[in-house]
Amino acid sequence: PREEVAYVTCTYRETCIDQPDFLATVDLNPRSPYYGQVIHRLPMPNLKDELHSSGWSAGCTCFDNTTAKRNKLILPGLISSRIYVVDVGSQCRAPKLCKMIEPVDVFWKCNKGYLCVVHSLPNGDVLISNMGDPAGNGKGGFVVLDGETFELKGNWENECEAPPTGHDFWYQPRHNVLISSAGLVPRRAGRGFNPDDLKKGVFGRRLNVWNLSCRTLTQCFDLGEDSLPLSVKFLHNPDAAEGYVSCALSGIVYRFYKCEANNWSVEEVIRIPAKDVTGWIMPKMPAFTVDLIISMDDKYLYLSNWLHGDIRQYELSRTCKPKLVGQVFVGGSILRGGPVTVCRDEELKCQPDPLVIKCKRVYGGPSKMQLSLDGKRLYVTNSFYSTWDKQFYPTMVREGSVMLQIDVDTEKGGLTVNKNFLVDFGKEPNGPCLAHEIHFASGDSTS
């Protein structure tokens, strides 16, 4: 069915507003009088969690387990390392908090912190990746929740196999593999982006291949110093043994694929060039690709380019050679009339114009995306991480972020901003906030 509500994680951290983060429920039914509005807010009991990612307690249906229901949403705090379990099954338009796991339990039981991405496992448990240890030093790996009681079970991997950093992950059970990305060191990156941190191991460089059943690290790929691999996605076909990882600082997307003898390989398939600029923190502005999504039919791949400001659509008829077929700018740092001047651009002839929807100027750049099951509607928010938001897009932090809808041509390719849809998180009752992850109650392209 078509999506009718979206659940969006919202944070007040770094906004100078002393209010708890909350889960917003947004009406997506065009026939509703509340279309495009926040119809419910579930505030958390604590301050400054930085609700970032979210994930379902059940989601995978490639095991003939059609009884699994998406009735619980897991919300980890990126900064607090607290875990919230939200009941969205009882009342989908008015979720309620049903369980909370305190940070001290995560610290003592797992020696982990800075929790990131959530996915349900084939056995019904919930897996949550992390970026660091309790002190904020780099440390990858995963913590496990019981899929029924949501009790914290402990670490997923062996302690000796924890990667130096961690962020996103995806798995393909029919090939007994889980692949995870690197992320960054929280204690250093949490102060903001500093060019002096380059070449010092703050920004990750590894792609990790795990044996899913044995929970062991089998291969590591070095994608280059400060490449910062963030978003990882397999093709949706459960028999497919290939996927993609986007590297935020290098602007490169790699395809990873299975070859003979159960080994895996990687190859570069997309490279978005940096732009020579003045008026910015560095002379070159990288293509900071925050999110990567693949349509349910495995026909298209989408990238959000947070710094430059564009969303890109690639056609995947040849998975080893994605073809750019759609592009739209929805903000960013290189807009015409802004403080940044582009001196040399390998792709554009001129700087893009600012975006205005329903009389509101859109600041910030595209960050997290979510795609409808039919692939025709791509929703996007523009908060990446509150500390970096404040550094690169201070006006967005003051005025609040937005959620937009991009209309997709699923036949020939092409992207168009829907000028009739805008969720303005600058008009929240407690003041402007920052919106990040999006999920649909009826299912979406990342769960």
Protein backbone atom coordinates (compact mmCIF):
# COMPACT_ATOMS: atom_id res chain seq x y z
CA PRO A 1 0.00 0.00 0.00
CA ARG A 2 0.93 3.64 -0.47
CA GLU A 3 2.59 5.25 2.54
CA GLU A 4 0.14 7.25 4.66
CA VAL A 5 2.31 8.21 7.65
CA ALA A 6 6.02 8.73 8.16
CA TYR A 7 7.97 8.54 11.40
CA VAL A 8 10.76 11.11 11.52
CA THR A 9 13.46 11.40 14.21
CA CYS A 10 13.91 15.01 15.39
CA THR A 11 16.55 16.50 17.67
CA TYR A 12 17.01 19.79 19.55
CA ARG A 13 20.68 19.24 20.24
CA GLU A 14 22.85 22.24 19.20
CA THR A 15 19.77 24.42 18.58
CA CYS A 16 20.01 26.32 21.92
CA ILE A 17 16.50 25.05 22.72
CA ASP A 18 16.38 23.03 25.93
CA GLN A 19 13.79 20.48 24.87
CA PRO A 20 13.90 16.68 24.48
CA ASP A 21 14.20 15.03 21.08
CA PHE A 22 11.01 13.55 19.69
CA LEU A 23 9.57 11.20 17.09
CA ALA A 24 7.34 13.10 14.67
CA THR A 25 4.45 11.42 12.88
CA VAL A 26 3.82 13.08 9.51
CA ASP A 27 0.62 12.70 7.48
CA LEU A 28 1.44 11.62 3.90
CA ASN A 29 -2.11 11.01 2.65
CA PRO A 30 -2.87 13.59 -0.08
CA ARG A 31 -6.60 13.27 0.66
CA SER A 32 -6.13 14.15 4.32
CA PRO A 33 -6.75 17.70 5.61
CA TYR A 34 -3.48 17.29 7.56
CA TYR A 35 -1.40 16.30 4.52
CA GLY A 36 2.24 17.32 4.96
CA GLN A 37 1.79 18.20 8.63
CA VAL A 38 3.14 16.77 11.87
CA ILE A 39 0.09 15.13 13.47
CA HIS A 40 1.78 13.70 16.57
CA ARG A 41 4.94 14.22 18.59
CA LEU A 42 6.40 11.66 20.99
CA PRO A 43 8.95 13.45 23.21
CA MET A 44 11.71 11.41 24.83
CA PRO A 45 12.18 11.54 28.64
CA ASN A 46 15.74 12.90 28.39
CA LEU A 47 17.62 15.79 26.82
CA LYS A 48 20.29 15.82 24.10
CA ASP A 49 20.02 12.19 22.98
CA GLU A 50 20.46 13.20 19.32
CA LEU A 51 17.88 10.86 17.86
CA HIS A 52 19.55 10.04 14.57
CA SER A 53 18.75 6.72 12.93
CA SER A 54 15.83 4.37 13.56
CA GLY A 55 14.87 0.86 12.53
CA TRP A 56 12.14 -1.74 12.80
CA SER A 57 12.14 -4.63 15.23
CA ALA A 58 11.10 -6.85 12.29
CA GLY A 59 11.53 -6.25 8.61
CA CYS A 60 13.07 -9.09 6.62
CA THR A 61 10.57 -11.27 4.75
CA CYS A 62 12.94 -13.38 2.66
CA PHE A 63 12.62 -16.29 5.11
CA ASP A 64 8.92 -16.98 4.40
CA ASN A 65 8.17 -15.36 7.76
CA THR A 66 5.17 -13.28 6.75
CA THR A 67 3.85 -13.08 10.32
CA ALA A 68 6.53 -10.57 11.39
CA LYS A 69 4.94 -7.18 12.01
CA ARG A 70 6.49 -3.73 11.96
CA ASN A 71 4.98 -2.71 15.29
CA LYS A 72 8.06 -1.55 17.20
CA LEU A 73 10.48 1.17 16.13
CA ILE A 74 13.95 1.21 17.71
CA LEU A 75 15.47 4.66 18.32
CA PRO A 76 19.12 4.75 19.44
CA GLY A 77 20.61 8.01 20.73
CA LEU A 78 23.73 8.84 18.75
CA ILE A 79 25.20 10.98 21.52
CA SER A 80 23.57 9.57 24.66
CA SER A 81 23.89 5.87 23.64
CA ARG A 82 20.40 5.40 25.13
CA ILE A 83 17.98 3.07 23.31
CA TYR A 84 14.23 3.73 23.06
CA VAL A 85 11.65 1.19 21.91
CA VAL A 86 8.50 2.81 20.50
CA ASP A 87 5.17 1.05 19.99
CA VAL A 88 3.70 2.10 16.64
CA GLY A 89 1.44 -0.94 16.27
CA SER A 90 -1.23 -0.03 18.83
CA GLN A 91 -1.91 3.37 17.28
CA CYS A 92 0.08 4.04 14.13
CA ARG A 93 -0.80 7.75 14.16
CA ALA A 94 0.06 8.20 17.86
CA PRO A 95 3.12 6.08 18.82
CA LYS A 96 4.03 5.60 22.47
CA LEU A 97 7.23 4.77 24.32
CA CYS A 98 7.25 1.22 25.71
CA LYS A 99 10.87 0.57 26.81
CA MET A 100 14.13 2.38 27.48
CA ILE A 101 17.66 1.01 27.85
CA GLU A 102 19.98 3.32 29.73
CA PRO A 103 23.49 4.18 28.50
CA VAL A 104 25.15 2.68 31.57
CA ASP A 105 23.85 -0.74 30.55
CA VAL A 106 25.27 -0.35 27.05
CA PHE A 107 28.60 0.88 28.46
CA TRP A 108 29.02 -1.85 31.06
CA LYS A 109 27.64 -4.80 29.13
CA CYS A 110 29.06 -4.01 25.70
CA ASN A 111 31.79 -1.37 26.17
CA LYS A 112 30.17 0.47 23.25
CA GLY A 113 28.72 3.90 22.65
CA TYR A 114 27.52 6.32 19.93
CA LEU A 115 24.85 3.98 18.55
CA CYS A 116 23.94 4.31 14.88
CA VAL A 117 22.02 2.08 12.49
CA VAL A 118 19.31 -0.49 13.34
CA HIS A 119 18.25 -3.61 11.42
CA SER A 120 16.43 -6.76 12.45
CA LEU A 121 18.30 -10.05 12.07
CA PRO A 122 17.10 -13.30 10.46
CA ASN A 123 16.70 -14.91 13.90
CA GLY A 124 14.41 -12.09 15.05
CA ASP A 125 16.94 -10.21 17.17
CA VAL A 126 17.77 -6.53 16.60
CA LEU A 127 21.26 -5.42 15.60
CA ILE A 128 22.53 -1.87 16.28
CA SER A 129 25.87 -0.63 14.96
CA ASN A 130 28.06 1.80 16.89
CA MET A 131 30.79 4.34 16.14
CA GLY A 132 32.84 4.40 19.33
CA ASP A 133 33.51 3.28 22.87
CA PRO A 134 31.97 5.04 25.90
CA ALA A 135 34.79 7.63 25.91
CA GLY A 136 34.27 8.53 22.24
CA ASN A 137 37.31 6.77 20.86
CA GLY A 138 36.81 5.00 17.55
CA LYS A 139 35.40 1.48 17.90
CA GLY A 140 33.15 -0.34 15.47
CA GLY A 141 30.93 -3.35 15.98
CA PHE A 142 27.37 -4.08 17.04
CA VAL A 143 25.12 -4.58 20.06
CA VAL A 144 22.20 -7.02 20.07
CA LEU A 145 18.68 -6.67 21.49
CA ASP A 146 16.33 -9.59 22.01
CA GLY A 147 13.68 -9.28 19.30
CA GLU A 148 10.77 -10.00 21.66
CA THR A 149 11.72 -8.62 25.08
CA PHE A 150 14.18 -5.97 23.78
CA GLU A 151 16.59 -6.83 26.56
CA LEU A 152 20.22 -5.97 25.83
CA LYS A 153 21.97 -9.27 25.07
CA GLY A 154 25.52 -7.97 24.56
CA ASN A 155 27.95 -7.63 21.67
CA TRP A 156 27.34 -9.37 18.36
CA GLU A 157 30.96 -9.77 17.25
CA ASN A 158 33.93 -11.12 19.17
CA GLU A 159 35.68 -8.36 21.13
CA CYS A 160 38.97 -8.96 19.34
CA GLU A 161 37.33 -8.39 15.95
CA ALA A 162 35.85 -4.94 16.56
CA PRO A 163 36.88 -2.61 13.66
CA PRO A 164 38.53 0.75 14.45
CA THR A 165 35.33 2.64 13.51
CA GLY A 166 31.80 1.77 12.42
CA HIS A 167 28.61 3.24 11.00
CA ASP A 168 26.17 1.57 8.58
CA PHE A 169 25.60 -2.09 7.66
CA TRP A 170 23.47 -4.34 5.49
CA TYR A 171 23.31 -8.10 5.13
CA GLN A 172 22.35 -10.79 2.63
CA PRO A 173 21.44 -14.00 4.49
CA ARG A 174 21.32 -16.29 1.45
CA HIS A 175 25.02 -15.57 1.03
CA ASN A 176 25.73 -15.61 4.78
CA VAL A 177 27.32 -12.17 4.68
CA LEU A 178 27.07 -8.84 6.49
CA ILE A 179 28.93 -5.79 5.22
CA SER A 180 29.62 -2.72 7.35
CA SER A 181 31.10 0.73 6.73
CA ALA A 182 33.61 2.77 8.70
CA GLY A 183 32.20 6.07 9.95
CA LEU A 184 34.35 8.42 12.04
CA VAL A 185 35.88 8.86 15.49
CA PRO A 186 33.13 10.49 17.63
CA ARG A 187 35.37 12.31 20.12
CA ARG A 188 37.14 14.22 17.34
CA ALA A 189 34.38 14.58 14.76
CA GLY A 190 31.96 15.58 17.51
CA ARG A 191 33.71 18.96 17.70
CA GLY A 192 32.85 19.66 14.08
CA PHE A 193 34.66 19.15 10.80
CA ASN A 194 38.30 20.24 11.06
CA PRO A 195 40.55 19.99 7.97
CA ASP A 196 43.46 19.44 10.37
CA ASP A 197 41.89 16.05 11.23
CA LEU A 198 42.53 14.79 7.70
CA LYS A 199 45.23 12.13 7.46
CA LYS A 200 45.00 11.47 11.22
CA GLY A 201 42.63 8.50 11.25
CA VAL A 202 39.57 10.49 12.35
CA PHE A 203 37.61 9.63 9.19
CA GLY A 204 37.25 5.94 8.39
CA ARG A 205 38.54 4.13 5.34
CA ARG A 206 37.47 0.47 5.67
CA LEU A 207 34.69 -1.69 4.30
CA ASN A 208 34.24 -4.79 6.46
CA VAL A 209 32.92 -8.20 5.34
CA TRP A 210 31.49 -10.46 8.07
CA ASN A 211 30.41 -14.10 8.19
CA LEU A 212 26.78 -13.62 9.24
CA SER A 213 26.30 -16.92 11.05
CA CYS A 214 29.74 -17.11 12.70
CA ARG A 215 29.89 -13.36 13.47
CA THR A 216 33.49 -13.19 12.37
CA LEU A 217 35.34 -10.64 10.27
CA THR A 218 36.48 -12.34 7.06
CA GLN A 219 37.70 -9.50 4.79
CA CYS A 220 38.54 -5.79 4.98
CA PHE A 221 38.88 -3.39 2.05
CA ASP A 222 40.87 -0.19 2.34
CA LEU A 223 38.96 2.42 0.33
CA GLY A 224 41.58 5.11 0.79
CA GLU A 225 42.62 7.50 3.53
CA ASP A 226 39.79 9.77 4.70
CA SER A 227 37.41 8.23 2.16
CA LEU A 228 34.75 7.99 4.93
CA PRO A 229 32.50 5.13 3.71
CA LEU A 230 29.07 5.77 5.25
CA SER A 231 26.01 4.27 3.56
CA VAL A 232 25.90 0.57 2.59
CA LYS A 233 23.13 -1.14 0.62
CA PHE A 234 22.73 -4.55 -1.01
CA LEU A 235 20.45 -4.98 -3.99
CA HIS A 236 16.98 -5.99 -2.75
CA ASN A 237 16.85 -9.26 -4.69
CA PRO A 238 17.63 -11.75 -1.87
CA ASP A 239 19.68 -13.87 -4.28
CA ALA A 240 21.83 -10.93 -5.37
CA ALA A 241 25.43 -10.98 -4.19
CA GLU A 242 26.28 -7.34 -4.83
CA GLY A 243 25.67 -3.87 -3.49
CA TYR A 244 27.14 -0.39 -3.09
CA VAL A 245 28.88 1.79 -0.52
CA SER A 246 29.16 5.57 -0.79
CA CYS A 247 32.25 7.34 0.50
CA ALA A 248 31.38 10.80 1.80
CA LEU A 249 34.70 12.62 1.60
CA SER A 250 36.11 11.07 -1.57
CA GLY A 251 32.84 11.31 -3.54
CA ILE A 252 33.29 7.72 -4.75
CA VAL A 253 30.70 4.93 -4.80
CA TYR A 254 32.09 1.42 -4.84
CA ARG A 255 30.30 -1.70 -5.96
CA PHE A 256 31.05 -4.76 -3.83
CA TYR A 257 30.32 -8.19 -5.23
CA LYS A 258 30.89 -11.86 -4.55
CA CYS A 259 33.45 -13.70 -6.65
CA GLU A 260 34.78 -17.24 -6.61
CA ALA A 261 35.53 -19.17 -3.41
CA ASN A 262 33.12 -16.99 -1.37
CA ASN A 263 35.50 -14.04 -1.50
CA TRP A 264 34.33 -10.51 -2.14
CA SER A 265 35.77 -7.72 -4.30
CA VAL A 266 35.17 -3.99 -4.73
CA GLU A 267 35.33 -1.70 -7.76
CA GLU A 268 34.79 2.02 -8.25
CA VAL A 269 31.62 2.71 -10.25
CA ILE A 270 30.74 6.38 -9.51
CA ARG A 271 33.01 9.36 -8.82
CA ILE A 272 31.56 12.80 -8.04
CA PRO A 273 34.34 15.38 -8.42
CA ALA A 274 35.10 17.97 -5.75
CA LYS A 275 34.55 21.61 -6.65
CA ASP A 276 37.24 24.31 -6.49
CA VAL A 277 35.77 27.07 -4.32
CA THR A 278 36.52 30.24 -2.38
CA GLY A 279 34.73 31.39 0.76
CA TRP A 280 34.63 27.92 2.27
CA ILE A 281 36.61 26.01 4.91
CA MET A 282 38.84 24.36 2.25
CA PRO A 283 39.80 25.23 -1.33
CA LYS A 284 38.07 22.07 -2.56
CA MET A 285 34.53 21.12 -1.52
CA PRO A 286 34.01 17.34 -1.61
CA ALA A 287 30.79 15.63 -2.64
CA PHE A 288 29.63 14.65 0.83
CA THR A 289 27.31 11.74 0.01
CA VAL A 290 25.38 11.03 3.21
CA ASP A 291 22.79 8.50 2.04
CA LEU A 292 22.38 5.86 -0.65
CA ILE A 293 19.08 4.13 -1.48
CA ILE A 294 18.18 1.45 -4.02
CA SER A 295 14.64 1.14 -5.37
CA MET A 296 12.73 -2.04 -4.52
CA ASP A 297 12.95 -3.30 -8.13
CA ASP A 298 16.75 -2.72 -8.12
CA LYS A 299 16.33 -0.42 -11.12
CA TYR A 300 17.59 2.86 -9.64
CA LEU A 301 20.16 4.06 -7.10
CA TYR A 302 19.82 7.42 -5.33
CA LEU A 303 22.53 9.53 -3.67
CA SER A 304 22.13 12.57 -1.41
CA ASN A 305 25.00 15.03 -1.77
CA TRP A 306 24.77 17.06 1.46
CA LEU A 307 27.41 19.71 0.79
CA HIS A 308 26.87 20.35 -2.92
CA GLY A 309 23.10 20.13 -2.43
CA ASP A 310 21.91 17.70 -5.11
CA ILE A 311 20.10 14.37 -5.18
CA ARG A 312 21.23 12.03 -7.95
CA GLN A 313 19.42 9.15 -9.63
CA TYR A 314 21.41 6.39 -11.37
CA GLU A 315 20.00 3.65 -13.58
CA LEU A 316 21.30 0.13 -12.75
CA SER A 317 20.62 -1.99 -15.83
CA ARG A 318 24.36 -2.61 -15.77
CA THR A 319 25.21 -2.76 -12.08
CA CYS A 320 28.91 -2.30 -12.80
CA LYS A 321 28.20 0.95 -14.71
CA PRO A 322 25.47 3.06 -13.05
CA LYS A 323 24.17 5.72 -15.43
CA LEU A 324 23.17 9.18 -14.19
CA VAL A 325 19.58 9.81 -15.35
CA GLY A 326 18.23 12.33 -12.83
CA GLN A 327 19.53 15.20 -10.71
CA VAL A 328 17.88 17.95 -8.68
CA PHE A 329 19.26 20.59 -6.29
CA VAL A 330 17.45 21.09 -2.98
CA GLY A 331 19.76 23.51 -1.17
CA GLY A 332 23.46 23.08 -0.47
CA SER A 333 26.57 25.20 -0.06
CA ILE A 334 27.21 26.27 -3.65
CA LEU A 335 23.98 28.15 -4.36
CA ARG A 336 24.03 31.34 -6.40
CA GLY A 337 24.34 34.44 -4.22
CA GLY A 338 25.78 32.62 -1.23
CA PRO A 339 29.14 33.09 0.51
CA VAL A 340 30.78 30.30 -1.51
CA THR A 341 32.00 30.96 -5.04
CA VAL A 342 32.72 28.04 -7.35
CA CYS A 343 35.92 28.66 -9.31
CA ARG A 344 36.07 25.38 -11.20
CA ASP A 345 33.34 22.81 -11.68
CA GLU A 346 33.70 19.71 -13.83
CA GLU A 347 29.92 19.18 -13.96
CA LEU A 348 27.99 22.47 -13.78
CA LYS A 349 28.20 25.56 -15.97
CA CYS A 350 26.74 27.84 -13.27
CA GLN A 351 25.83 27.73 -9.61
CA PRO A 352 22.28 26.49 -8.88
CA ASP A 353 19.52 28.81 -7.67
CA PRO A 354 18.13 28.66 -4.12
CA LEU A 355 15.01 26.53 -3.60
CA VAL A 356 11.80 28.13 -2.32
CA ILE A 357 8.72 26.02 -1.53
CA LYS A 358 5.49 27.52 -0.22
CA CYS A 359 7.30 30.82 0.42
CA LYS A 360 9.99 29.12 2.54
CA ARG A 361 13.64 29.25 1.51
CA VAL A 362 15.21 25.81 1.95
CA TYR A 363 18.58 25.91 3.69
CA GLY A 364 20.92 22.99 4.26
CA GLY A 365 21.53 20.11 1.87
CA PRO A 366 19.83 16.76 1.26
CA SER A 367 20.74 14.22 3.92
CA LYS A 368 18.57 11.21 4.75
CA MET A 369 16.20 9.84 2.11
CA GLN A 370 13.33 7.37 2.03
CA LEU A 371 11.74 5.92 -1.11
CA SER A 372 8.17 4.72 -1.48
CA LEU A 373 7.65 1.05 -2.29
CA ASP A 374 6.50 1.86 -5.85
CA GLY A 375 9.60 4.03 -6.31
CA LYS A 376 7.65 7.12 -7.36
CA ARG A 377 8.12 9.35 -4.30
CA LEU A 378 11.46 10.11 -2.71
CA TYR A 379 11.29 11.92 0.65
CA VAL A 380 14.32 13.77 2.00
CA THR A 381 15.35 15.65 5.16
CA ASN A 382 18.32 18.00 5.47
CA SER A 383 19.93 17.43 8.89
CA PHE A 384 23.08 15.29 8.89
CA TYR A 385 24.46 15.63 12.44
CA SER A 386 23.64 18.56 14.72
CA THR A 387 27.24 19.69 15.33
CA TRP A 388 28.06 19.69 11.60
CA ASP A 389 24.67 21.22 10.77
CA LYS A 390 25.52 24.16 13.03
CA GLN A 391 28.93 24.53 11.40
CA PHE A 392 27.93 24.34 7.73
CA TYR A 393 24.27 25.40 7.75
CA PRO A 394 23.70 27.71 10.77
CA THR A 395 20.65 29.32 9.13
CA MET A 396 18.99 25.90 8.85
CA VAL A 397 19.64 25.28 12.56
CA ARG A 398 18.06 28.65 13.45
CA GLU A 399 15.05 28.22 11.15
CA GLY A 400 14.59 24.45 11.44
CA SER A 401 15.02 21.74 8.87
CA VAL A 402 12.46 20.52 6.33
CA MET A 403 11.17 17.35 4.76
CA LEU A 404 10.63 17.46 1.00
CA GLN A 405 9.12 15.15 -1.60
CA ILE A 406 10.88 14.47 -4.89
CA ASP A 407 8.74 13.04 -7.68
CA VAL A 408 10.49 10.26 -9.60
CA ASP A 409 10.11 9.27 -13.24
CA THR A 410 10.34 5.49 -12.90
CA GLU A 411 10.22 4.86 -16.65
CA LYS A 412 12.91 7.05 -18.19
CA GLY A 413 14.49 8.44 -15.04
CA GLY A 414 14.27 11.99 -13.77
CA LEU A 415 13.68 13.92 -10.53
CA THR A 416 11.37 16.88 -9.83
CA VAL A 417 10.77 18.73 -6.56
CA ASN A 418 7.09 18.53 -5.57
CA LYS A 419 6.19 22.17 -4.86
CA ASN A 420 2.96 21.13 -3.06
CA PHE A 421 4.70 19.24 -0.25
CA LEU A 422 6.70 20.73 2.61
CA VAL A 423 7.03 19.69 6.23
CA ASP A 424 8.44 22.75 7.98
CA PHE A 425 10.15 21.71 11.21
CA GLY A 426 10.85 25.38 11.88
CA LYS A 427 7.26 25.77 13.05
CA GLU A 428 7.35 23.20 15.86
CA PRO A 429 5.58 24.24 19.11
CA ASN A 430 8.85 24.13 21.08
CA GLY A 431 10.86 25.87 18.40
CA PRO A 432 12.80 24.90 15.26
CA CYS A 433 14.34 21.41 15.30
CA LEU A 434 16.48 19.16 13.11
CA ALA A 435 14.86 16.21 11.31
CA HIS A 436 16.77 13.14 10.17
CA GLU A 437 15.67 9.52 9.57
CA ILE A 438 12.37 8.65 7.82
CA HIS A 439 10.40 5.39 7.97
CA PHE A 440 6.93 4.42 6.72
CA ALA A 441 4.53 2.27 8.73
CA SER A 442 3.55 0.35 5.57
CA GLY A 443 7.14 -0.52 4.65
CA ASP A 444 9.85 1.34 2.80
CA SER A 445 12.92 0.82 0.66
CA THR A 446 15.42 0.59 3.53
CA SER A 447 13.68 -1.93 5.80
